[in-house]
Amino acid sequence: MVFTTADIEAPVWLPPLVALVVSFFTSMGGVSGAFLLLPFQVSVLGYTTPSVSATNHLFNVVAIPSGVYRYVREGRMVWPLTLAVIAGTLPGVFLGAIVRVVWLPDPGPFHLFVAAVLLFIGLRLARDVLRRREGASDRGNAGETSPAKVTTATLAVLEYEFAGETHRVSMPGVFFLSLVVGVVGGIYGIGGGAIMAPFLVSFYRLPVHTVAGAALMGTFVASAAGVAFYTAIAPFFPDATVSPDWLLGTLFGVGGMVGMYAGARCQKYVPARAIKVLLTAIILLTATKCVLDALAK
């Protein structure tokens, strides 16, 4: 099948299949899988124009609601944390979209940018996994079904209980971190969840079983804004392909929808440490691939 906007040709079954497999695993850690689908589109499908970021955002919009629904249903959505993530990420995405179109339109520099982001995340997670024994963010038995219970939620601090422990986080800290993440996510076309979830787990020591829903919801809202913004600014850049490839993004999204629902459903049966190890390995391998692609240009 020919995808006109992306100017590529691929089997119609390939995008949903790849998205399903990727999203099943990454959604357990609060990551939609868009951070892996972008290198796939760039390196495998040959989709290198700025609109690949907008298409990645479209994937998030279609795919994420099924995973969020599952986390809400099981009581693992910490809403005050979710709102803080959204409030910071949303404005950052708009700035990131401008940076992507104006300063990072060429695939070579963009490959290096992607690699730098992924390496930072991956090395931080790897250090956390290797240096620390099982801590608060690693606890919670596989099969844990108890919901997260918010005990304190103000503009200054959030406290909630999960798996018999109390977790505390600074709300301003989450907001400003989300703002920075939003800028990077807007450039990369991932909405920020792939960066936000590892930060919340590694820096704030929050349990991944309660972070996943908030990160996915933040990614969904930011990506919806990203799709709208890329579409709105497209007429101002007539010499560049900016708007998303709606057909390709939807096909990715349909596969991701199935994968995320299944991943969110299975997450409680997987130990937090195993999820972190999986995310670390995927991120570092993807970063290495991006560096090799950039050097090959």
C-alpha atoms as a PDB file:
ATOM      1  CA  MET A   1       0.000   0.000   0.000  1.00  0.00           C
ATOM      2  CA  VAL A   2       1.186   3.515  -0.838  1.00  0.00           C
ATOM      3  CA  PHE A   3       0.978   6.134   1.921  1.00  0.00           C
ATOM      4  CA  THR A   4       0.818   9.436   0.061  1.00  0.00           C
ATOM      5  CA  THR A   5       1.753  11.916   2.788  1.00  0.00           C
ATOM      6  CA  ALA A   6       4.607   9.791   4.085  1.00  0.00           C
ATOM      7  CA  ASP A   7       5.674   9.034   0.497  1.00  0.00           C
ATOM      8  CA  ILE A   8       6.398   5.401   1.351  1.00  0.00           C
ATOM      9  CA  GLU A   9       5.072   1.970   0.419  1.00  0.00           C
ATOM     10  CA  ALA A  10       4.463  -0.815   2.966  1.00  0.00           C
ATOM     11  CA  PRO A  11       2.183  -3.839   3.478  1.00  0.00           C
ATOM     12  CA  VAL A  12      -1.091  -2.790   5.112  1.00  0.00           C
ATOM     13  CA  TRP A  13      -0.681  -5.368   7.900  1.00  0.00           C
ATOM     14  CA  LEU A  14       2.822  -4.254   8.929  1.00  0.00           C
ATOM     15  CA  PRO A  15       2.077  -1.009  10.870  1.00  0.00           C
ATOM     16  CA  PRO A  16      -0.648  -2.473  13.127  1.00  0.00           C
ATOM     17  CA  LEU A  17       1.336  -5.648  13.780  1.00  0.00           C
ATOM     18  CA  VAL A  18       4.497  -3.777  14.788  1.00  0.00           C
ATOM     19  CA  ALA A  19       2.494  -1.361  16.957  1.00  0.00           C
ATOM     20  CA  LEU A  20       0.640  -4.193  18.693  1.00  0.00           C
ATOM     21  CA  VAL A  21       3.824  -6.020  19.691  1.00  0.00           C
ATOM     22  CA  VAL A  22       5.672  -2.869  20.783  1.00  0.00           C
ATOM     23  CA  SER A  23       2.757  -1.392  22.735  1.00  0.00           C
ATOM     24  CA  PHE A  24       2.000  -4.602  24.613  1.00  0.00           C
ATOM     25  CA  PHE A  25       5.365  -4.461  26.373  1.00  0.00           C
ATOM     26  CA  THR A  26       5.969  -0.721  26.668  1.00  0.00           C
ATOM     27  CA  SER A  27       2.492   0.128  27.998  1.00  0.00           C
ATOM     28  CA  MET A  28       3.306  -1.835  31.156  1.00  0.00           C
ATOM     29  CA  GLY A  29       5.793   0.913  32.008  1.00  0.00           C
ATOM     30  CA  GLY A  30       3.523   3.812  31.058  1.00  0.00           C
ATOM     31  CA  VAL A  31       5.057   4.212  27.617  1.00  0.00           C
ATOM     32  CA  SER A  32       2.881   4.129  24.518  1.00  0.00           C
ATOM     33  CA  GLY A  33       5.563   2.672  22.264  1.00  0.00           C
ATOM     34  CA  ALA A  34       5.745   5.756  20.042  1.00  0.00           C
ATOM     35  CA  PHE A  35       9.404   6.246  20.954  1.00  0.00           C
ATOM     36  CA  LEU A  36      10.159   2.918  19.256  1.00  0.00           C
ATOM     37  CA  LEU A  37       7.761   3.353  16.357  1.00  0.00           C
ATOM     38  CA  LEU A  38       9.425   6.586  15.277  1.00  0.00           C
ATOM     39  CA  PRO A  39      12.840   4.943  14.622  1.00  0.00           C
ATOM     40  CA  PHE A  40      10.971   2.131  12.868  1.00  0.00           C
ATOM     41  CA  GLN A  41       9.247   4.609  10.568  1.00  0.00           C
ATOM     42  CA  VAL A  42      12.456   6.543   9.904  1.00  0.00           C
ATOM     43  CA  SER A  43      14.905   3.660   9.526  1.00  0.00           C
ATOM     44  CA  VAL A  44      12.766   0.797   8.207  1.00  0.00           C
ATOM     45  CA  LEU A  45       9.956   2.515   6.298  1.00  0.00           C
ATOM     46  CA  GLY A  46      12.068   5.475   5.163  1.00  0.00           C
ATOM     47  CA  TYR A  47       9.627   8.089   6.495  1.00  0.00           C
ATOM     48  CA  THR A  48      11.958  11.023   7.263  1.00  0.00           C
ATOM     49  CA  THR A  49       9.980  14.249   6.780  1.00  0.00           C
ATOM     50  CA  PRO A  50       8.876  16.371   9.782  1.00  0.00           C
ATOM     51  CA  SER A  51       5.359  14.948   9.492  1.00  0.00           C
ATOM     52  CA  VAL A  52       6.620  11.663  10.935  1.00  0.00           C
ATOM     53  CA  SER A  53       6.437  13.343  14.354  1.00  0.00           C
ATOM     54  CA  ALA A  54       2.819  14.348  13.747  1.00  0.00           C
ATOM     55  CA  THR A  55       2.011  10.802  12.598  1.00  0.00           C
ATOM     56  CA  ASN A  56       3.570   9.454  15.783  1.00  0.00           C
ATOM     57  CA  HIS A  57       1.341  11.773  17.813  1.00  0.00           C
ATOM     58  CA  LEU A  58      -1.670  10.450  15.868  1.00  0.00           C
ATOM     59  CA  PHE A  59      -0.719   6.901  16.819  1.00  0.00           C
ATOM     60  CA  ASN A  60      -0.836   7.933  20.486  1.00  0.00           C
ATOM     61  CA  VAL A  61      -4.258   9.536  20.113  1.00  0.00           C
ATOM     62  CA  VAL A  62      -5.774   6.388  18.610  1.00  0.00           C
ATOM     63  CA  ALA A  63      -3.965   3.806  20.733  1.00  0.00           C
ATOM     64  CA  ILE A  64      -3.728   5.170  24.281  1.00  0.00           C
ATOM     65  CA  PRO A  65      -7.408   5.356  25.415  1.00  0.00           C
ATOM     66  CA  SER A  66      -7.685   1.561  25.679  1.00  0.00           C
ATOM     67  CA  GLY A  67      -4.715   1.357  28.044  1.00  0.00           C
ATOM     68  CA  VAL A  68      -5.896   4.314  30.137  1.00  0.00           C
ATOM     69  CA  TYR A  69      -9.330   2.738  30.438  1.00  0.00           C
ATOM     70  CA  ARG A  70      -7.783  -0.423  31.826  1.00  0.00           C
ATOM     71  CA  TYR A  71      -5.718   1.435  34.440  1.00  0.00           C
ATOM     72  CA  VAL A  72      -8.742   3.482  35.532  1.00  0.00           C
ATOM     73  CA  ARG A  73     -10.861   0.359  35.830  1.00  0.00           C
ATOM     74  CA  GLU A  74      -8.285  -1.339  38.059  1.00  0.00           C
ATOM     75  CA  GLY A  75      -7.865   1.710  40.339  1.00  0.00           C
ATOM     76  CA  ARG A  76      -4.239   2.396  39.432  1.00  0.00           C
ATOM     77  CA  MET A  77      -4.775   5.866  37.970  1.00  0.00           C
ATOM     78  CA  VAL A  78      -3.481   8.539  40.387  1.00  0.00           C
ATOM     79  CA  TRP A  79      -5.461  11.527  39.121  1.00  0.00           C
ATOM     80  CA  PRO A  80      -3.633  14.400  40.911  1.00  0.00           C
ATOM     81  CA  LEU A  81      -0.342  13.106  39.490  1.00  0.00           C
ATOM     82  CA  THR A  82      -1.971  12.792  36.077  1.00  0.00           C
ATOM     83  CA  LEU A  83      -3.211  16.396  36.133  1.00  0.00           C
ATOM     84  CA  ALA A  84       0.235  17.723  37.135  1.00  0.00           C
ATOM     85  CA  VAL A  85       1.844  15.815  34.265  1.00  0.00           C
ATOM     86  CA  ILE A  86      -0.717  17.147  31.770  1.00  0.00           C
ATOM     87  CA  ALA A  87      -0.395  20.752  32.999  1.00  0.00           C
ATOM     88  CA  GLY A  88       3.356  20.736  32.437  1.00  0.00           C
ATOM     89  CA  THR A  89       3.580  18.625  29.302  1.00  0.00           C
ATOM     90  CA  LEU A  90       0.903  20.348  27.232  1.00  0.00           C
ATOM     91  CA  PRO A  91       2.565  23.770  26.733  1.00  0.00           C
ATOM     92  CA  GLY A  92       5.941  22.123  26.161  1.00  0.00           C
ATOM     93  CA  VAL A  93       4.605  20.099  23.247  1.00  0.00           C
ATOM     94  CA  PHE A  94       3.693  23.260  21.313  1.00  0.00           C
ATOM     95  CA  LEU A  95       7.214  24.637  21.635  1.00  0.00           C
ATOM     96  CA  GLY A  96       8.706  21.266  20.735  1.00  0.00           C
ATOM     97  CA  ALA A  97       6.661  21.100  17.541  1.00  0.00           C
ATOM     98  CA  ILE A  98       8.073  24.455  16.387  1.00  0.00           C
ATOM     99  CA  VAL A  99      11.635  23.353  17.155  1.00  0.00           C
ATOM    100  CA  ARG A 100      11.138  20.138  15.146  1.00  0.00           C
ATOM    101  CA  VAL A 101       9.822  21.919  12.049  1.00  0.00           C
ATOM    102  CA  VAL A 102      12.140  24.950  12.074  1.00  0.00           C
ATOM    103  CA  TRP A 103      15.467  23.648  13.422  1.00  0.00           C
ATOM    104  CA  LEU A 104      15.380  19.861  13.069  1.00  0.00           C
ATOM    105  CA  PRO A 105      13.819  19.093   9.659  1.00  0.00           C
ATOM    106  CA  ASP A 106      16.766  17.058   8.330  1.00  0.00           C
ATOM    107  CA  PRO A 107      16.905  13.352   9.212  1.00  0.00           C
ATOM    108  CA  GLY A 108      20.629  13.354  10.111  1.00  0.00           C
ATOM    109  CA  PRO A 109      20.520  15.809  13.049  1.00  0.00           C
ATOM    110  CA  PHE A 110      17.147  14.406  14.064  1.00  0.00           C
ATOM    111  CA  HIS A 111      18.625  10.920  14.361  1.00  0.00           C
ATOM    112  CA  LEU A 112      21.291  12.288  16.708  1.00  0.00           C
ATOM    113  CA  PHE A 113      18.689  14.138  18.747  1.00  0.00           C
ATOM    114  CA  VAL A 114      16.615  10.981  19.127  1.00  0.00           C
ATOM    115  CA  ALA A 115      19.709   9.004  20.131  1.00  0.00           C
ATOM    116  CA  ALA A 116      20.695  11.576  22.762  1.00  0.00           C
ATOM    117  CA  VAL A 117      17.247  11.524  24.348  1.00  0.00           C
ATOM    118  CA  LEU A 118      17.065   7.730  24.420  1.00  0.00           C
ATOM    119  CA  LEU A 119      20.621   7.327  25.730  1.00  0.00           C
ATOM    120  CA  PHE A 120      19.937   9.673  28.620  1.00  0.00           C
ATOM    121  CA  ILE A 121      16.785   7.797  29.590  1.00  0.00           C
ATOM    122  CA  GLY A 122      18.333   4.375  29.111  1.00  0.00           C
ATOM    123  CA  LEU A 123      21.526   5.080  31.059  1.00  0.00           C
ATOM    124  CA  ARG A 124      19.561   6.594  33.924  1.00  0.00           C
ATOM    125  CA  LEU A 125      17.331   3.538  34.127  1.00  0.00           C
ATOM    126  CA  ALA A 126      20.298   1.175  33.793  1.00  0.00           C
ATOM    127  CA  ARG A 127      22.099   2.876  36.684  1.00  0.00           C
ATOM    128  CA  ASP A 128      18.954   2.661  38.766  1.00  0.00           C
ATOM    129  CA  VAL A 129      18.496  -1.046  38.046  1.00  0.00           C
ATOM    130  CA  LEU A 130      22.155  -1.997  38.597  1.00  0.00           C
ATOM    131  CA  ARG A 131      22.992   0.080  41.673  1.00  0.00           C
ATOM    132  CA  ARG A 132      19.906  -0.232  43.807  1.00  0.00           C
ATOM    133  CA  ARG A 133      18.512  -3.209  45.567  1.00  0.00           C
ATOM    134  CA  GLU A 134      14.780  -3.615  45.536  1.00  0.00           C
ATOM    135  CA  GLY A 135      13.294  -0.352  46.778  1.00  0.00           C
ATOM    136  CA  ALA A 136       9.975   1.391  46.982  1.00  0.00           C
ATOM    137  CA  SER A 137       9.556   1.750  43.266  1.00  0.00           C
ATOM    138  CA  ASP A 138      10.282  -1.955  42.781  1.00  0.00           C
ATOM    139  CA  ARG A 139       7.869  -3.278  45.351  1.00  0.00           C
ATOM    140  CA  GLY A 140       4.393  -4.581  44.798  1.00  0.00           C
ATOM    141  CA  ASN A 141       3.798  -8.260  44.220  1.00  0.00           C
ATOM    142  CA  ALA A 142       2.955  -9.563  40.782  1.00  0.00           C
ATOM    143  CA  GLY A 143      -0.796  -9.814  40.680  1.00  0.00           C
ATOM    144  CA  GLU A 144      -1.234  -6.802  43.005  1.00  0.00           C
ATOM    145  CA  THR A 145      -4.838  -5.664  42.638  1.00  0.00           C
ATOM    146  CA  SER A 146      -5.183  -3.122  45.451  1.00  0.00           C
ATOM    147  CA  PRO A 147      -6.020   0.354  44.104  1.00  0.00           C
ATOM    148  CA  ALA A 148      -3.930   3.458  44.708  1.00  0.00           C
ATOM    149  CA  LYS A 149      -5.476   5.639  47.444  1.00  0.00           C
ATOM    150  CA  VAL A 150      -4.727   9.381  47.492  1.00  0.00           C
ATOM    151  CA  THR A 151      -4.353  10.697  51.055  1.00  0.00           C
ATOM    152  CA  THR A 152      -3.070  14.245  50.401  1.00  0.00           C
ATOM    153  CA  ALA A 153      -3.345  16.292  47.220  1.00  0.00           C
ATOM    154  CA  THR A 154      -2.420  20.000  47.269  1.00  0.00           C
ATOM    155  CA  LEU A 155      -0.562  22.349  44.927  1.00  0.00           C
ATOM    156  CA  ALA A 156       2.571  21.631  46.957  1.00  0.00           C
ATOM    157  CA  VAL A 157       2.551  17.896  47.602  1.00  0.00           C
ATOM    158  CA  LEU A 158       0.895  14.636  46.667  1.00  0.00           C
ATOM    159  CA  GLU A 159       0.747  11.588  48.920  1.00  0.00           C
ATOM    160  CA  TYR A 160      -0.874   8.285  48.127  1.00  0.00           C
ATOM    161  CA  GLU A 161      -0.855   4.720  49.373  1.00  0.00           C
ATOM    162  CA  PHE A 162      -0.206   1.658  47.253  1.00  0.00           C
ATOM    163  CA  ALA A 163       0.812  -1.903  48.091  1.00  0.00           C
ATOM    164  CA  GLY A 164       0.948  -1.052  51.808  1.00  0.00           C
ATOM    165  CA  GLU A 165       3.312   1.928  51.418  1.00  0.00           C
ATOM    166  CA  THR A 166       2.940   5.704  51.322  1.00  0.00           C
ATOM    167  CA  HIS A 167       4.515   7.605  48.431  1.00  0.00           C
ATOM    168  CA  ARG A 168       5.151  11.366  48.431  1.00  0.00           C
ATOM    169  CA  VAL A 169       6.053  13.674  45.545  1.00  0.00           C
ATOM    170  CA  SER A 170       6.439  17.440  45.008  1.00  0.00           C
ATOM    171  CA  MET A 171       3.726  18.761  42.688  1.00  0.00           C
ATOM    172  CA  PRO A 172       5.775  21.793  41.475  1.00  0.00           C
ATOM    173  CA  GLY A 173       8.652  19.425  40.781  1.00  0.00           C
ATOM    174  CA  VAL A 174       6.451  17.177  38.676  1.00  0.00           C
ATOM    175  CA  PHE A 175       5.037  20.200  36.834  1.00  0.00           C
ATOM    176  CA  PHE A 176       8.399  21.710  35.825  1.00  0.00           C
ATOM    177  CA  LEU A 177       9.827  18.322  34.921  1.00  0.00           C
ATOM    178  CA  SER A 178       6.768  17.731  32.750  1.00  0.00           C
ATOM    179  CA  LEU A 179       7.305  21.089  31.039  1.00  0.00           C
ATOM    180  CA  VAL A 180      10.830  20.123  29.969  1.00  0.00           C
ATOM    181  CA  VAL A 181       9.670  16.662  28.983  1.00  0.00           C
ATOM    182  CA  GLY A 182       6.892  18.210  26.902  1.00  0.00           C
ATOM    183  CA  VAL A 183       9.390  20.192  24.820  1.00  0.00           C
ATOM    184  CA  VAL A 184      11.498  17.105  24.134  1.00  0.00           C
ATOM    185  CA  GLY A 185       8.416  14.995  23.509  1.00  0.00           C
ATOM    186  CA  GLY A 186       7.003  17.576  21.111  1.00  0.00           C
ATOM    187  CA  ILE A 187      10.184  17.454  19.064  1.00  0.00           C
ATOM    188  CA  TYR A 188      10.354  13.680  19.102  1.00  0.00           C
ATOM    189  CA  GLY A 189       6.656  13.117  18.474  1.00  0.00           C
ATOM    190  CA  ILE A 190       6.016  10.956  21.537  1.00  0.00           C
ATOM    191  CA  GLY A 191       4.000  13.238  23.804  1.00  0.00           C
ATOM    192  CA  GLY A 192       6.593  12.807  26.558  1.00  0.00           C
ATOM    193  CA  GLY A 193       5.429   9.594  28.249  1.00  0.00           C
ATOM    194  CA  ALA A 194       8.555   7.654  27.272  1.00  0.00           C
ATOM    195  CA  ILE A 195      10.596  10.208  29.177  1.00  0.00           C
ATOM    196  CA  MET A 196       8.188  11.037  31.991  1.00  0.00           C
ATOM    197  CA  ALA A 197       7.556   7.494  33.208  1.00  0.00           C
ATOM    198  CA  PRO A 198      11.263   6.615  33.709  1.00  0.00           C
ATOM    199  CA  PHE A 199      11.834   9.957  35.477  1.00  0.00           C
ATOM    200  CA  LEU A 200       8.960   9.412  37.899  1.00  0.00           C
ATOM    201  CA  VAL A 201      10.210   5.925  38.674  1.00  0.00           C
ATOM    202  CA  SER A 202      13.930   6.716  38.899  1.00  0.00           C
ATOM    203  CA  PHE A 203      14.011  10.226  40.397  1.00  0.00           C
ATOM    204  CA  TYR A 204      10.847  10.282  42.510  1.00  0.00           C
ATOM    205  CA  ARG A 205      10.917   6.585  43.433  1.00  0.00           C
ATOM    206  CA  LEU A 206       7.245   6.115  42.573  1.00  0.00           C
ATOM    207  CA  PRO A 207       6.000   2.562  41.882  1.00  0.00           C
ATOM    208  CA  VAL A 208       5.760   1.870  38.178  1.00  0.00           C
ATOM    209  CA  HIS A 209       2.395   0.176  38.647  1.00  0.00           C
ATOM    210  CA  THR A 210       0.866   3.564  39.580  1.00  0.00           C
ATOM    211  CA  VAL A 211       2.960   5.748  37.278  1.00  0.00           C
ATOM    212  CA  ALA A 212       1.962   4.005  34.061  1.00  0.00           C
ATOM    213  CA  GLY A 213      -1.611   5.319  33.886  1.00  0.00           C
ATOM    214  CA  ALA A 214      -0.617   8.920  34.599  1.00  0.00           C
ATOM    215  CA  ALA A 215       2.177   8.852  32.009  1.00  0.00           C
ATOM    216  CA  LEU A 216      -0.085   7.395  29.333  1.00  0.00           C
ATOM    217  CA  MET A 217      -2.862   9.900  30.018  1.00  0.00           C
ATOM    218  CA  GLY A 218      -0.391  12.779  29.848  1.00  0.00           C
ATOM    219  CA  THR A 219       0.934  11.432  26.579  1.00  0.00           C
ATOM    220  CA  PHE A 220      -2.577  11.162  25.152  1.00  0.00           C
ATOM    221  CA  VAL A 221      -3.518  14.788  25.920  1.00  0.00           C
ATOM    222  CA  ALA A 222      -0.178  16.134  24.731  1.00  0.00           C
ATOM    223  CA  SER A 223      -0.318  14.097  21.530  1.00  0.00           C
ATOM    224  CA  ALA A 224      -3.858  15.274  20.739  1.00  0.00           C
ATOM    225  CA  ALA A 225      -2.581  18.834  21.033  1.00  0.00           C
ATOM    226  CA  GLY A 226       0.446  17.903  18.935  1.00  0.00           C
ATOM    227  CA  VAL A 227      -1.659  16.544  16.081  1.00  0.00           C
ATOM    228  CA  ALA A 228      -3.830  19.675  16.110  1.00  0.00           C
ATOM    229  CA  PHE A 229      -0.801  21.960  16.225  1.00  0.00           C
ATOM    230  CA  TYR A 230       1.129  20.261  13.425  1.00  0.00           C
ATOM    231  CA  THR A 231      -2.007  20.349  11.275  1.00  0.00           C
ATOM    232  CA  ALA A 232      -2.602  24.027  12.051  1.00  0.00           C
ATOM    233  CA  ILE A 233       0.937  25.170  11.230  1.00  0.00           C
ATOM    234  CA  ALA A 234       1.231  23.101   8.033  1.00  0.00           C
ATOM    235  CA  PRO A 235       0.035  25.965   5.739  1.00  0.00           C
ATOM    236  CA  PHE A 236       2.868  28.155   7.045  1.00  0.00           C
ATOM    237  CA  PHE A 237       5.476  25.655   5.828  1.00  0.00           C
ATOM    238  CA  PRO A 238       4.497  24.953   2.203  1.00  0.00           C
ATOM    239  CA  ASP A 239       7.931  23.576   1.340  1.00  0.00           C
ATOM    240  CA  ALA A 240       7.816  20.907   4.064  1.00  0.00           C
ATOM    241  CA  THR A 241       5.524  17.971   4.814  1.00  0.00           C
ATOM    242  CA  VAL A 242       4.181  18.772   8.268  1.00  0.00           C
ATOM    243  CA  SER A 243       0.671  17.308   8.618  1.00  0.00           C
ATOM    244  CA  PRO A 244       0.347  13.676   9.759  1.00  0.00           C
ATOM    245  CA  ASP A 245      -0.201  10.765   7.435  1.00  0.00           C
ATOM    246  CA  TRP A 246      -3.707   9.988   8.680  1.00  0.00           C
ATOM    247  CA  LEU A 247      -3.950   6.507   7.210  1.00  0.00           C
ATOM    248  CA  LEU A 248      -0.549   5.348   8.431  1.00  0.00           C
ATOM    249  CA  GLY A 249      -1.050   6.870  11.887  1.00  0.00           C
ATOM    250  CA  THR A 250      -4.453   5.222  12.221  1.00  0.00           C
ATOM    251  CA  LEU A 251      -3.115   1.814  11.215  1.00  0.00           C
ATOM    252  CA  PHE A 252      -0.372   2.105  13.817  1.00  0.00           C
ATOM    253  CA  GLY A 253      -2.976   3.276  16.310  1.00  0.00           C
ATOM    254  CA  VAL A 254      -5.328   0.330  15.788  1.00  0.00           C
ATOM    255  CA  GLY A 255      -2.538  -2.120  16.507  1.00  0.00           C
ATOM    256  CA  GLY A 256      -1.411  -0.051  19.476  1.00  0.00           C
ATOM    257  CA  MET A 257      -4.949   0.028  20.848  1.00  0.00           C
ATOM    258  CA  VAL A 258      -5.021  -3.754  21.113  1.00  0.00           C
ATOM    259  CA  GLY A 259      -1.467  -3.971  22.425  1.00  0.00           C
ATOM    260  CA  MET A 260      -1.980  -1.316  25.117  1.00  0.00           C
ATOM    261  CA  TYR A 261      -5.169  -2.812  26.449  1.00  0.00           C
ATOM    262  CA  ALA A 262      -3.505  -6.219  26.723  1.00  0.00           C
ATOM    263  CA  GLY A 263      -0.350  -4.721  28.257  1.00  0.00           C
ATOM    264  CA  ALA A 264      -2.275  -2.718  30.853  1.00  0.00           C
ATOM    265  CA  ARG A 265      -4.341  -5.799  31.660  1.00  0.00           C
ATOM    266  CA  CYS A 266      -1.236  -7.949  32.190  1.00  0.00           C
ATOM    267  CA  GLN A 267       0.908  -5.341  33.981  1.00  0.00           C
ATOM    268  CA  LYS A 268      -0.141  -6.287  37.514  1.00  0.00           C
ATOM    269  CA  TYR A 269       1.230  -9.792  36.954  1.00  0.00           C
ATOM    270  CA  VAL A 270       4.715  -8.519  36.056  1.00  0.00           C
ATOM    271  CA  PRO A 271       7.177  -7.378  38.784  1.00  0.00           C
ATOM    272  CA  ALA A 272       8.179  -3.711  38.571  1.00  0.00           C
ATOM    273  CA  ARG A 273      11.863  -4.549  38.344  1.00  0.00           C
ATOM    274  CA  ALA A 274      11.261  -6.753  35.308  1.00  0.00           C
ATOM    275  CA  ILE A 275       9.391  -3.915  33.597  1.00  0.00           C
ATOM    276  CA  LYS A 276      12.277  -1.527  34.252  1.00  0.00           C
ATOM    277  CA  VAL A 277      14.853  -3.995  32.913  1.00  0.00           C
ATOM    278  CA  LEU A 278      12.774  -4.481  29.771  1.00  0.00           C
ATOM    279  CA  LEU A 279      12.414  -0.742  29.179  1.00  0.00           C
ATOM    280  CA  THR A 280      16.138  -0.198  29.760  1.00  0.00           C
ATOM    281  CA  ALA A 281      17.134  -2.837  27.218  1.00  0.00           C
ATOM    282  CA  ILE A 282      14.696  -1.582  24.565  1.00  0.00           C
ATOM    283  CA  ILE A 283      15.703   2.055  24.992  1.00  0.00           C
ATOM    284  CA  LEU A 284      19.456   1.427  24.849  1.00  0.00           C
ATOM    285  CA  LEU A 285      19.171  -0.819  21.791  1.00  0.00           C
ATOM    286  CA  THR A 286      17.038   1.757  20.004  1.00  0.00           C
ATOM    287  CA  ALA A 287      19.467   4.565  20.870  1.00  0.00           C
ATOM    288  CA  THR A 288      22.361   2.558  19.462  1.00  0.00           C
ATOM    289  CA  LYS A 289      20.435   1.971  16.242  1.00  0.00           C
ATOM    290  CA  CYS A 290      19.718   5.703  15.911  1.00  0.00           C
ATOM    291  CA  VAL A 291      23.402   6.583  16.334  1.00  0.00           C
ATOM    292  CA  LEU A 292      24.406   4.071  13.649  1.00  0.00           C
ATOM    293  CA  ASP A 293      21.733   5.459  11.299  1.00  0.00           C
ATOM    294  CA  ALA A 294      22.929   9.021  11.882  1.00  0.00           C
ATOM    295  CA  LEU A 295      26.556   8.099  11.192  1.00  0.00           C
ATOM    296  CA  ALA A 296      25.501   6.358   8.004  1.00  0.00           C
ATOM    297  CA  LYS A 297      23.926   9.529   6.570  1.00  0.00           C
END
